[in-house]
Amino acid sequence: MVSSRVPPKPCQLHTAARLARIPCAALMMKTTLYGIPNCDTVKKARTWLAEHAHEAAFHDFKKQGLARATVAAWLEQLAWDVLVNRKGTTWRKLTDAERAAVTGPAAALELMLAHPSVVKRPVLAHAGRYSVGFSAVQYEQLFNPSASSKSTP
């Protein structure tokens, strides 16, 4: 018997993974930290990961750039105004017209691809979820969700 159920549409990252013949399960288990190595917040995140024995691939998006599928996957889970760092130097160097044009996810995606340094750092991909910024509490909750729920009254 053939099922008439329509399979869910895969996210951009899983589509890219399928084309690269990477199993989706591998994406769910791999941890990747996206950022710039000389950023203080990225340094803190990398230190925390190392101190807590969490392996994470590091993607220097200033040198390696960003793939459209990667940024699109972030935007499926995170708001564009969370990902775009409007307090940083890169944002301030944009023209008024460029800043005014960023009014939604599509424009934010194009901006982040054209100017990767405008992305708020770091972006952590872990267990199929994304997180922006760093705090020890935030990472503890991401890597040990059962421990954080037990301590919550």
Protein backbone atom coordinates (compact mmCIF):
# COMPACT_ATOMS: atom_id res chain seq x y z
CA MET A 1 0.00 0.00 0.00
CA VAL A 2 1.40 3.39 -1.01
CA SER A 3 1.05 6.19 1.52
CA SER A 4 -0.60 9.35 0.29
CA ARG A 5 1.01 11.37 3.06
CA VAL A 6 3.17 14.19 1.76
CA PRO A 7 6.58 14.24 3.45
CA PRO A 8 7.50 17.49 5.23
CA LYS A 9 9.60 19.98 3.31
CA PRO A 10 13.23 19.69 4.48
CA CYS A 11 14.96 22.78 5.79
CA GLN A 12 17.61 24.47 3.64
CA LEU A 13 20.48 22.92 5.61
CA HIS A 14 19.11 19.39 5.27
CA THR A 15 18.56 19.94 1.56
CA ALA A 16 22.20 21.02 1.22
CA ALA A 17 23.30 18.02 3.29
CA ARG A 18 21.36 15.62 1.10
CA LEU A 19 22.97 17.08 -2.01
CA ALA A 20 26.39 16.64 -0.37
CA ARG A 21 25.36 13.10 0.66
CA ILE A 22 25.70 13.85 4.39
CA PRO A 23 23.19 11.86 6.48
CA CYS A 24 20.74 14.10 8.34
CA ALA A 25 21.55 12.28 11.58
CA ALA A 26 25.16 13.45 11.23
CA LEU A 27 23.94 17.04 11.04
CA MET A 28 21.97 16.60 14.24
CA MET A 29 25.01 15.34 16.16
CA LYS A 30 27.67 17.68 14.82
CA THR A 31 28.38 20.83 16.78
CA THR A 32 29.68 23.83 14.86
CA LEU A 33 30.61 27.23 16.21
CA TYR A 34 30.40 30.02 13.63
CA GLY A 35 32.29 33.23 14.23
CA ILE A 36 35.51 35.16 13.92
CA PRO A 37 38.51 33.94 15.96
CA ASN A 38 39.53 37.34 17.34
CA CYS A 39 36.02 38.18 18.64
CA ASP A 40 36.04 38.19 22.46
CA THR A 41 32.63 36.51 22.74
CA VAL A 42 33.70 33.78 20.32
CA LYS A 43 36.88 33.26 22.39
CA LYS A 44 34.76 32.84 25.54
CA ALA A 45 32.49 30.34 23.79
CA ARG A 46 35.44 28.33 22.47
CA THR A 47 37.02 28.29 25.92
CA TRP A 48 33.78 27.11 27.53
CA LEU A 49 33.39 24.33 24.95
CA ALA A 50 36.97 23.16 25.49
CA GLU A 51 36.71 23.31 29.30
CA HIS A 52 33.53 21.24 29.20
CA ALA A 53 34.96 18.69 26.72
CA HIS A 54 32.50 19.48 23.93
CA GLU A 55 34.00 19.00 20.48
CA ALA A 56 32.94 21.66 18.04
CA ALA A 57 34.09 22.43 14.55
CA PHE A 58 34.96 26.10 14.13
CA HIS A 59 33.78 27.94 11.03
CA ASP A 60 35.54 31.27 10.55
CA PHE A 61 32.97 33.01 8.42
CA LYS A 62 35.20 35.97 7.74
CA LYS A 63 37.70 33.68 5.96
CA GLN A 64 35.41 30.84 4.86
CA GLY A 65 32.31 32.89 4.11
CA LEU A 66 28.78 31.74 4.69
CA ALA A 67 26.68 29.42 2.56
CA ARG A 68 23.18 30.57 1.66
CA ALA A 69 21.77 27.26 2.98
CA THR A 70 23.47 27.78 6.35
CA VAL A 71 22.10 31.29 6.87
CA ALA A 72 18.67 30.19 5.61
CA ALA A 73 18.67 27.38 8.19
CA TRP A 74 19.52 29.89 10.95
CA LEU A 75 16.63 32.07 9.82
CA GLU A 76 14.23 29.12 10.07
CA GLN A 77 14.82 29.06 13.84
CA LEU A 78 16.08 32.52 14.74
CA ALA A 79 14.66 35.95 14.10
CA TRP A 80 16.61 38.02 11.58
CA ASP A 81 16.93 40.92 14.02
CA VAL A 82 18.61 38.56 16.51
CA LEU A 83 21.16 37.43 13.90
CA VAL A 84 21.99 40.89 12.54
CA ASN A 85 24.27 42.79 14.90
CA ARG A 86 23.04 46.36 14.63
CA LYS A 87 25.48 47.57 17.29
CA GLY A 88 28.69 46.56 15.53
CA THR A 89 31.16 48.39 13.34
CA THR A 90 30.06 46.60 10.16
CA TRP A 91 26.46 47.77 10.61
CA ARG A 92 27.55 51.34 11.35
CA LYS A 93 29.71 51.38 8.19
CA LEU A 94 26.72 50.53 5.98
CA THR A 95 25.04 53.39 4.18
CA ASP A 96 21.71 54.67 5.50
CA ALA A 97 20.03 53.15 2.45
CA GLU A 98 21.62 49.72 3.08
CA ARG A 99 20.53 49.76 6.74
CA ALA A 100 17.01 50.91 5.84
CA ALA A 101 16.67 48.08 3.30
CA VAL A 102 17.02 45.40 5.99
CA THR A 103 13.39 44.99 6.98
CA GLY A 104 12.89 41.23 6.96
CA PRO A 105 14.47 37.80 6.68
CA ALA A 106 15.12 37.93 2.92
CA ALA A 107 16.99 41.24 3.10
CA ALA A 108 18.84 40.11 6.23
CA LEU A 109 19.95 36.93 4.46
CA GLU A 110 21.40 38.92 1.56
CA LEU A 111 23.11 41.34 3.97
CA MET A 112 24.70 38.50 6.00
CA LEU A 113 25.98 36.84 2.83
CA ALA A 114 27.44 40.11 1.54
CA HIS A 115 28.83 41.21 4.93
CA PRO A 116 29.41 38.15 7.19
CA SER A 117 30.85 40.38 9.92
CA VAL A 118 27.37 41.81 10.51
CA VAL A 119 26.28 38.46 12.00
CA LYS A 120 25.99 38.56 15.79
CA ARG A 121 28.57 36.17 17.18
CA PRO A 122 28.93 33.39 17.86
CA VAL A 123 26.26 31.23 16.24
CA LEU A 124 26.27 27.72 17.68
CA ALA A 125 24.74 24.77 15.81
CA HIS A 126 24.12 21.89 18.21
CA ALA A 127 21.68 18.96 18.08
CA GLY A 128 19.69 20.50 15.25
CA ARG A 129 19.22 23.82 17.07
CA TYR A 130 20.86 27.22 16.76
CA SER A 131 21.88 29.72 19.38
CA VAL A 132 23.30 33.23 19.10
CA GLY A 133 25.69 34.90 21.53
CA PHE A 134 27.31 33.29 24.53
CA SER A 135 26.77 32.91 28.23
CA ALA A 136 27.82 29.97 30.39
CA VAL A 137 24.21 29.48 31.54
CA GLN A 138 22.94 29.48 27.95
CA TYR A 139 25.48 26.85 26.86
CA GLU A 140 24.88 24.74 29.95
CA GLN A 141 21.17 24.63 29.05
CA LEU A 142 21.94 23.76 25.43
CA PHE A 143 24.34 20.92 26.23
CA ASN A 144 22.62 19.61 29.38
CA PRO A 145 18.89 20.27 28.95
CA SER A 146 17.84 17.70 31.55
CA ALA A 147 20.15 19.21 34.18
CA SER A 148 18.80 22.72 33.62
CA SER A 149 15.15 21.58 33.80
CA LYS A 150 15.80 19.82 37.14
CA SER A 151 17.17 23.00 38.69
CA THR A 152 14.17 25.05 37.55
CA PRO A 153 11.47 25.22 40.27
